[in-house]
């Protein structure tokens, strides 16, 4: 594809960038600090980390500020930054059962094993705009320390285990078919792909694209929504461990916040066991229940899809915000040469068509025109 430079050249490009910096740096409230962004825009920071594939709140906050609140652009900045970092080690697989739960709801059961912890959410209140009154906002550590929790409350037994005890869950053999997690940061996933590649792609997908695809998958031909139920929906902290290079033992190096969801589907297919449920799984960085819920239900839809279904291709190739957004953004770049060539082809074809058309007598030709 041919490009032609912007009129004015590099000086015009630099001047346009200076306009962005000037309006950002000279805002009346000043340049928001990294700590302020992490505390006040935590959901945006978590979404950036998930779509960029790098868990580091300060880096995501800096990108959010530089992108002037554009989450997709911020994720682009963070992913570009991640590509410059060395890979020092690979952590051991995270065990979600070790999660220190900050929020846990089970919509499928009123009294599940362990408590239902509403945590930090506005899901149950009206969406009314609040004007700031100048009161200081509590920090994340202050919020967590306000309520004391027991070990059982912080590590409740998951609802999925209850369904297994009742023999109500279809068992799948992914561990045999997909023993090693597919690393989408090192090689692109293409259909047919193992389940770990599909889950990894969804975990790094653009949230809106994933939710849109999920909603399309649950809508029936007449617009009715298929029955969807959620099991455990959790947000909490899980530890990260690596194998020590000298001792060979696992060493804890830190912790990250994740959101985990179990989606439950009522099996009703002709070739399916209608006495059991299928359970899908979703886990992503930070507190992003919207993405994790879509992941869990799309996990089931992907497993149940027909061999010729385009769902896997859509999940692997179209939900990445940087890929789709990058293609869209490139349309704003100069396309003078390519569009001029299209115009020339149109004119040439018109001339060729007119030259081969039979000549109409003048009287009739005037009437036709």
Protein backbone atom coordinates (compact mmCIF):
# COMPACT_ATOMS: atom_id res chain seq x y z
CA UNK A 1 0.00 0.00 0.00
CA UNK A 2 1.46 3.34 -0.99
CA UNK A 3 1.66 6.24 1.42
CA UNK A 4 2.43 9.88 0.81
CA UNK A 5 3.81 12.03 3.56
CA UNK A 6 1.71 14.61 5.37
CA UNK A 7 1.95 18.04 3.84
CA UNK A 8 4.44 19.94 5.95
CA UNK A 9 6.56 16.87 6.62
CA UNK A 10 8.12 16.04 9.96
CA UNK A 11 7.70 19.58 11.31
CA UNK A 12 3.91 19.30 10.99
CA UNK A 13 3.93 15.91 12.72
CA UNK A 14 6.01 17.24 15.63
CA UNK A 15 3.81 20.31 15.92
CA UNK A 16 0.70 18.11 16.16
CA UNK A 17 2.33 16.10 18.95
CA UNK A 18 3.27 19.31 20.79
CA UNK A 19 -0.40 20.33 20.77
CA UNK A 20 -1.27 17.11 22.56
CA UNK A 21 1.46 17.57 25.16
CA UNK A 22 0.58 21.21 25.71
CA UNK A 23 -3.11 20.55 26.43
CA UNK A 24 -2.23 17.60 28.66
CA UNK A 25 0.56 19.18 30.67
CA UNK A 26 -1.17 22.54 31.20
CA UNK A 27 -4.52 21.23 32.39
CA UNK A 28 -6.04 23.30 35.22
CA UNK A 29 -5.81 20.45 37.72
CA UNK A 30 -2.24 19.64 36.75
CA UNK A 31 -0.81 16.32 35.65
CA UNK A 32 -2.39 13.53 37.73
CA UNK A 33 0.25 11.49 39.55
CA UNK A 34 0.72 7.79 38.93
CA UNK A 35 -0.53 6.96 42.43
CA UNK A 36 -3.69 9.02 41.92
CA UNK A 37 -4.49 7.23 38.68
CA UNK A 38 -3.94 3.78 40.24
CA UNK A 39 -6.30 4.58 43.11
CA UNK A 40 -8.96 6.62 41.32
CA UNK A 41 -9.09 4.83 37.96
CA UNK A 42 -8.43 1.30 39.16
CA UNK A 43 -10.83 -0.40 36.73
CA UNK A 44 -9.29 1.38 33.75
CA UNK A 45 -5.82 0.45 35.00
CA UNK A 46 -6.87 -3.18 35.42
CA UNK A 47 -8.35 -3.27 31.91
CA UNK A 48 -5.17 -1.83 30.42
CA UNK A 49 -3.03 -4.44 32.17
CA UNK A 50 -5.27 -7.24 30.92
CA UNK A 51 -5.39 -6.10 27.29
CA UNK A 52 -1.66 -5.34 27.26
CA UNK A 53 -0.65 -8.61 28.89
CA UNK A 54 1.56 -6.96 31.51
CA UNK A 55 0.68 -6.78 35.19
CA UNK A 56 2.16 -3.59 36.57
CA UNK A 57 -0.29 -0.93 37.83
CA UNK A 58 2.18 2.03 37.75
CA UNK A 59 3.10 1.30 34.11
CA UNK A 60 -0.56 1.03 33.14
CA UNK A 61 -1.30 4.28 34.98
CA UNK A 62 1.48 6.12 33.15
CA UNK A 63 0.15 4.84 29.83
CA UNK A 64 -3.40 5.90 30.78
CA UNK A 65 -2.17 9.42 31.47
CA UNK A 66 -0.10 9.60 28.29
CA UNK A 67 -3.04 8.32 26.23
CA UNK A 68 -5.34 10.92 27.80
CA UNK A 69 -7.73 8.23 29.02
CA UNK A 70 -7.84 6.21 25.79
CA UNK A 71 -7.73 2.67 27.21
CA UNK A 72 -6.95 0.98 23.88
CA UNK A 73 -4.10 3.41 23.13
CA UNK A 74 -2.78 2.91 26.65
CA UNK A 75 -2.80 -0.87 26.17
CA UNK A 76 -0.88 -0.34 22.92
CA UNK A 77 1.75 1.71 24.77
CA UNK A 78 2.11 -0.91 27.51
CA UNK A 79 2.37 -3.81 25.08
CA UNK A 80 5.04 -1.95 23.12
CA UNK A 81 6.88 -1.32 26.40
CA UNK A 82 6.56 -5.00 27.36
CA UNK A 83 8.27 -6.03 24.14
CA UNK A 84 11.42 -4.20 25.31
CA UNK A 85 11.64 -6.00 28.67
CA UNK A 86 13.81 -9.09 29.20
CA UNK A 87 12.13 -12.35 30.15
CA UNK A 88 13.94 -13.29 33.35
CA UNK A 89 11.88 -16.32 34.35
CA UNK A 90 8.61 -18.15 33.81
CA UNK A 91 6.32 -18.51 36.82
CA UNK A 92 4.80 -21.77 37.88
CA UNK A 93 1.09 -22.28 37.04
CA UNK A 94 -1.11 -20.21 39.31
CA UNK A 95 -3.46 -22.17 41.59
CA UNK A 96 -6.76 -20.25 41.82
CA UNK A 97 -7.62 -22.19 45.00
CA UNK A 98 -4.91 -20.16 46.74
CA UNK A 99 -6.73 -16.92 45.98
CA UNK A 100 -7.26 -14.54 48.88
CA UNK A 101 -10.82 -13.56 48.02
CA UNK A 102 -11.74 -9.88 48.14
CA UNK A 103 -15.11 -10.36 46.41
CA UNK A 104 -17.11 -13.52 45.81
CA UNK A 105 -20.68 -13.97 44.62
CA UNK A 106 -22.45 -17.14 43.50
CA UNK A 107 -25.56 -16.16 41.50
CA UNK A 108 -26.52 -19.85 41.08
CA UNK A 109 -26.88 -20.52 44.82
CA UNK A 110 -28.18 -18.41 47.68
CA UNK A 111 -26.26 -20.32 50.37
CA UNK A 112 -23.10 -21.79 48.79
CA UNK A 113 -20.22 -23.25 50.77
CA UNK A 114 -18.53 -20.25 52.30
CA UNK A 115 -19.78 -16.68 52.33
CA UNK A 116 -20.91 -14.40 49.54
CA UNK A 117 -18.72 -11.30 49.81
CA UNK A 118 -20.03 -8.31 47.91
CA UNK A 119 -16.69 -6.56 48.21
CA UNK A 120 -16.16 -3.28 46.40
CA UNK A 121 -18.98 -2.87 43.90
CA UNK A 122 -21.89 -0.68 42.84
CA UNK A 123 -23.78 -3.54 41.17
CA UNK A 124 -26.69 -3.25 43.58
CA UNK A 125 -27.20 0.51 43.62
CA UNK A 126 -28.71 2.94 41.15
CA UNK A 127 -26.55 4.46 38.43
CA UNK A 128 -26.78 8.06 39.62
CA UNK A 129 -24.16 10.67 38.93
CA UNK A 130 -22.39 11.95 42.06
CA UNK A 131 -20.66 15.31 42.10
CA UNK A 132 -17.36 15.49 44.02
CA UNK A 133 -17.58 17.15 47.44
CA UNK A 134 -13.87 17.37 48.15
CA UNK A 135 -13.80 14.47 50.62
CA UNK A 136 -10.57 12.40 50.47
CA UNK A 137 -10.84 9.00 48.89
CA UNK A 138 -9.70 5.95 50.88
CA UNK A 139 -6.66 4.12 49.59
CA UNK A 140 -6.80 0.49 48.53
CA UNK A 141 -5.02 -0.69 51.69
CA UNK A 142 -7.48 1.23 53.88
CA UNK A 143 -10.47 -0.39 52.16
CA UNK A 144 -9.05 -3.90 52.63
CA UNK A 145 -8.26 -3.36 56.30
CA UNK A 146 -11.72 -2.17 57.25
CA UNK A 147 -13.17 -5.70 57.45
CA UNK A 148 -11.54 -8.66 59.15
CA UNK A 149 -12.05 -11.99 57.39
CA UNK A 150 -11.44 -15.52 58.55
CA UNK A 151 -9.36 -18.03 56.62
CA UNK A 152 -12.55 -19.83 55.54
CA UNK A 153 -14.03 -16.59 54.25
CA UNK A 154 -10.90 -15.69 52.33
CA UNK A 155 -10.60 -19.19 50.79
CA UNK A 156 -14.18 -20.47 50.32
CA UNK A 157 -14.88 -23.79 48.68
CA UNK A 158 -15.83 -23.25 45.07
CA UNK A 159 -19.33 -23.93 43.75
CA UNK A 160 -17.94 -26.08 40.94
CA UNK A 161 -16.83 -28.65 43.52
CA UNK A 162 -20.38 -28.91 44.84
CA UNK A 163 -21.65 -29.65 41.32
CA UNK A 164 -18.97 -32.33 40.91
CA UNK A 165 -19.93 -33.93 44.21
CA UNK A 166 -23.50 -34.18 42.90
CA UNK A 167 -22.22 -35.67 39.61
CA UNK A 168 -23.80 -32.81 37.66
CA UNK A 169 -20.76 -31.71 35.63
CA UNK A 170 -19.44 -32.99 32.32
CA UNK A 171 -15.78 -33.92 32.65
CA UNK A 172 -13.37 -32.84 29.91
CA UNK A 173 -9.88 -34.11 29.18
CA UNK A 174 -8.04 -30.87 28.41
CA UNK A 175 -5.09 -31.75 30.66
CA UNK A 176 -4.27 -34.70 28.41
CA UNK A 177 -4.88 -32.86 25.14
CA UNK A 178 -3.33 -29.55 26.23
CA UNK A 179 -0.62 -30.30 28.83
CA UNK A 180 1.48 -27.13 28.35
CA UNK A 181 -0.05 -23.62 28.31
CA UNK A 182 0.14 -22.04 24.87
CA UNK A 183 2.25 -18.86 24.99
CA UNK A 184 0.51 -16.37 22.69
CA UNK A 185 3.22 -13.78 23.40
CA UNK A 186 5.78 -15.88 21.51
CA UNK A 187 3.77 -17.34 18.65
CA UNK A 188 0.45 -16.52 17.11
CA UNK A 189 -2.46 -18.87 17.76
CA UNK A 190 -4.22 -20.16 14.66
CA UNK A 191 -7.17 -22.57 14.29
CA UNK A 192 -7.31 -25.34 15.25
CA UNK A 193 -5.89 -24.25 18.60
CA UNK A 194 -5.73 -25.85 22.06
CA UNK A 195 -7.99 -24.56 24.80
CA UNK A 196 -5.13 -22.77 26.58
CA UNK A 197 -4.53 -20.69 23.44
CA UNK A 198 -8.20 -19.74 23.22
CA UNK A 199 -8.36 -18.79 26.92
CA UNK A 200 -5.12 -16.81 26.68
CA UNK A 201 -6.37 -14.94 23.63
CA UNK A 202 -9.60 -14.06 25.41
CA UNK A 203 -7.73 -12.95 28.54
CA UNK A 204 -5.79 -10.45 26.43
CA UNK A 205 -8.70 -9.49 24.18
CA UNK A 206 -10.31 -6.08 24.03
CA UNK A 207 -13.12 -6.17 26.59
CA UNK A 208 -15.78 -4.59 24.38
CA UNK A 209 -15.00 -6.88 21.45
CA UNK A 210 -15.24 -9.94 23.68
CA UNK A 211 -18.51 -8.85 25.27
CA UNK A 212 -19.99 -8.13 21.83
CA UNK A 213 -19.00 -11.56 20.54
CA UNK A 214 -20.36 -13.22 23.68
CA UNK A 215 -23.69 -11.44 23.37
CA UNK A 216 -23.99 -12.50 19.74
CA UNK A 217 -23.27 -16.12 20.72
CA UNK A 218 -26.02 -16.28 23.36
CA UNK A 219 -28.73 -14.64 21.26
CA UNK A 220 -31.06 -17.13 19.65
CA UNK A 221 -32.38 -16.76 16.08
CA UNK A 222 -35.50 -15.03 17.41
CA UNK A 223 -33.60 -12.70 19.73
CA UNK A 224 -34.16 -14.72 22.90
CA UNK A 225 -31.19 -15.09 25.21
CA UNK A 226 -30.07 -18.63 25.99
CA UNK A 227 -30.10 -19.58 29.65
CA UNK A 228 -26.86 -18.43 31.27
CA UNK A 229 -25.99 -18.97 34.95
CA UNK A 230 -22.85 -18.01 36.85
CA UNK A 231 -21.19 -20.10 39.52
CA UNK A 232 -18.30 -18.61 41.45
CA UNK A 233 -17.47 -15.04 40.44
CA UNK A 234 -14.36 -13.99 42.34
CA UNK A 235 -11.88 -11.16 42.59
CA UNK A 236 -8.82 -11.58 44.75
CA UNK A 237 -5.08 -11.98 45.02
CA UNK A 238 -3.12 -15.03 43.93
CA UNK A 239 0.56 -15.67 44.65
CA UNK A 240 3.22 -15.96 41.93
CA UNK A 241 6.05 -18.43 42.26
CA UNK A 242 9.15 -19.30 40.27
CA UNK A 243 11.63 -22.14 40.59
CA UNK A 244 14.82 -20.92 42.23
CA UNK A 245 17.72 -21.43 39.80
CA UNK A 246 20.06 -22.76 42.52
CA UNK A 247 17.87 -24.69 44.96
CA UNK A 248 15.25 -25.91 42.48
CA UNK A 249 12.51 -25.08 44.95
CA UNK A 250 9.52 -22.83 44.34
CA UNK A 251 9.91 -19.30 45.68
CA UNK A 252 7.11 -16.79 46.05
CA UNK A 253 8.01 -13.55 44.29
CA UNK A 254 4.80 -11.56 44.69
CA UNK A 255 1.08 -11.54 44.04
CA UNK A 256 -1.36 -10.20 41.47
CA UNK A 257 -5.07 -9.45 41.50
CA UNK A 258 -7.25 -11.49 39.16
CA UNK A 259 -10.92 -12.02 38.38
CA UNK A 260 -12.18 -15.60 38.06
CA UNK A 261 -15.58 -16.76 36.79
CA UNK A 262 -17.29 -20.11 36.32
CA UNK A 263 -20.07 -20.06 33.72
CA UNK A 264 -22.73 -22.80 33.81
CA UNK A 265 -24.55 -23.98 30.70
CA UNK A 266 -27.60 -26.25 30.64
CA UNK A 267 -26.80 -28.96 28.10
CA UNK A 268 -29.66 -29.57 25.69
CA UNK A 269 -28.02 -30.79 22.49
CA UNK A 270 -29.08 -34.01 20.80
CA UNK A 271 -25.69 -35.63 21.40
CA UNK A 272 -25.12 -34.14 24.85
CA UNK A 273 -25.69 -35.54 28.34
CA UNK A 274 -28.80 -33.64 29.40
CA UNK A 275 -28.43 -34.87 32.98
CA UNK A 276 -25.36 -32.69 33.50
CA UNK A 277 -24.10 -29.13 33.12
CA UNK A 278 -21.12 -27.85 31.22
CA UNK A 279 -18.92 -25.36 33.06
CA UNK A 280 -16.76 -22.76 31.32
CA UNK A 281 -13.88 -20.86 32.84
CA UNK A 282 -12.55 -17.33 32.66
CA UNK A 283 -9.64 -15.65 34.42
CA UNK A 284 -8.05 -12.30 33.65
CA UNK A 285 -5.84 -9.64 35.23
CA UNK A 286 -7.23 -7.20 37.76
CA UNK A 287 -10.90 -6.57 38.53
CA UNK A 288 -12.72 -7.00 35.24
CA UNK A 289 -15.80 -9.14 35.78
CA UNK A 290 -17.28 -8.14 32.45
CA UNK A 291 -14.43 -9.78 30.54
CA UNK A 292 -14.20 -12.83 32.80
CA UNK A 293 -17.93 -13.54 32.48
CA UNK A 294 -17.73 -13.30 28.69
CA UNK A 295 -14.68 -15.57 28.73
CA UNK A 296 -16.40 -18.28 30.79
CA UNK A 297 -19.45 -18.42 28.56
CA UNK A 298 -17.45 -18.24 25.32
CA UNK A 299 -15.31 -21.09 26.64
CA UNK A 300 -18.45 -23.25 26.63
CA UNK A 301 -19.61 -21.92 23.27
CA UNK A 302 -16.20 -22.71 21.73
CA UNK A 303 -16.32 -26.29 23.03
CA UNK A 304 -19.87 -26.84 21.77
CA UNK A 305 -19.35 -25.15 18.39
CA UNK A 306 -19.61 -27.18 15.22
CA UNK A 307 -16.37 -28.03 13.36
CA UNK A 308 -17.20 -25.53 10.62
CA UNK A 309 -18.17 -22.77 13.07
CA UNK A 310 -16.24 -19.48 12.67
CA UNK A 311 -16.26 -18.88 16.44
CA UNK A 312 -12.70 -20.09 17.08
CA UNK A 313 -11.34 -17.94 14.26
CA UNK A 314 -13.21 -14.93 15.65
CA UNK A 315 -11.87 -15.52 19.15
CA UNK A 316 -8.28 -15.96 18.02
CA UNK A 317 -8.04 -13.41 15.24
CA UNK A 318 -10.56 -10.61 15.73
CA UNK A 319 -10.87 -9.83 19.46
CA UNK A 320 -7.37 -8.45 20.00
CA UNK A 321 -7.87 -4.72 20.43
CA UNK A 322 -4.41 -3.83 19.18
CA UNK A 323 -4.88 -5.77 15.95
CA UNK A 324 -8.35 -4.50 15.15
CA UNK A 325 -7.73 -1.01 16.52
CA UNK A 326 -4.43 -0.75 14.72
CA UNK A 327 -6.02 -1.62 11.39
CA UNK A 328 -8.74 0.94 12.02
CA UNK A 329 -6.27 3.64 13.09
CA UNK A 330 -4.10 3.15 10.02
CA UNK A 331 -7.01 4.32 7.88
CA UNK A 332 -6.33 7.84 9.19
CA UNK A 333 -2.84 7.82 7.69
CA UNK A 334 -2.31 9.40 4.23
CA UNK A 335 -3.65 7.19 1.44
CA UNK A 336 -3.27 9.67 -1.39
CA UNK A 337 -1.42 7.34 -3.74
CA UNK A 338 -3.69 4.33 -3.28
CA UNK A 339 -6.90 6.33 -3.57
CA UNK A 340 -5.59 8.16 -6.65
CA UNK A 341 -4.86 4.82 -8.28
CA UNK A 342 -8.44 3.68 -7.58
CA UNK A 343 -9.79 6.88 -9.14
CA UNK A 344 -7.61 6.34 -12.23
CA UNK A 345 -8.91 2.77 -12.60
CA UNK A 346 -12.51 3.95 -12.36
CA UNK A 347 -11.96 6.59 -15.06
CA UNK A 348 -10.12 4.13 -17.30
CA UNK A 349 -12.93 1.56 -17.02
CA UNK A 350 -15.53 4.20 -17.77
CA UNK A 351 -13.66 5.28 -20.91
CA UNK A 352 -13.30 1.67 -22.03
CA UNK A 353 -16.99 1.01 -21.45
CA UNK A 354 -18.06 4.14 -23.35
CA UNK A 355 -15.81 3.33 -26.29
CA UNK A 356 -17.47 -0.08 -26.78
CA UNK A 357 -21.07 1.10 -26.43
CA UNK A 358 -23.09 1.44 -29.72
CA UNK A 359 -23.61 4.99 -30.83
CA UNK A 360 -27.18 6.26 -30.34
CA UNK A 361 -28.74 8.53 -33.05
CA UNK A 362 -28.67 12.16 -32.02
CA UNK A 363 -32.40 12.77 -31.55
CA UNK A 364 -32.79 9.70 -29.41
CA UNK A 365 -29.52 10.34 -27.69
CA UNK A 366 -30.70 13.78 -26.52
CA UNK A 367 -33.90 12.31 -25.17
CA UNK A 368 -32.02 9.58 -23.39
CA UNK A 369 -29.71 12.12 -21.84
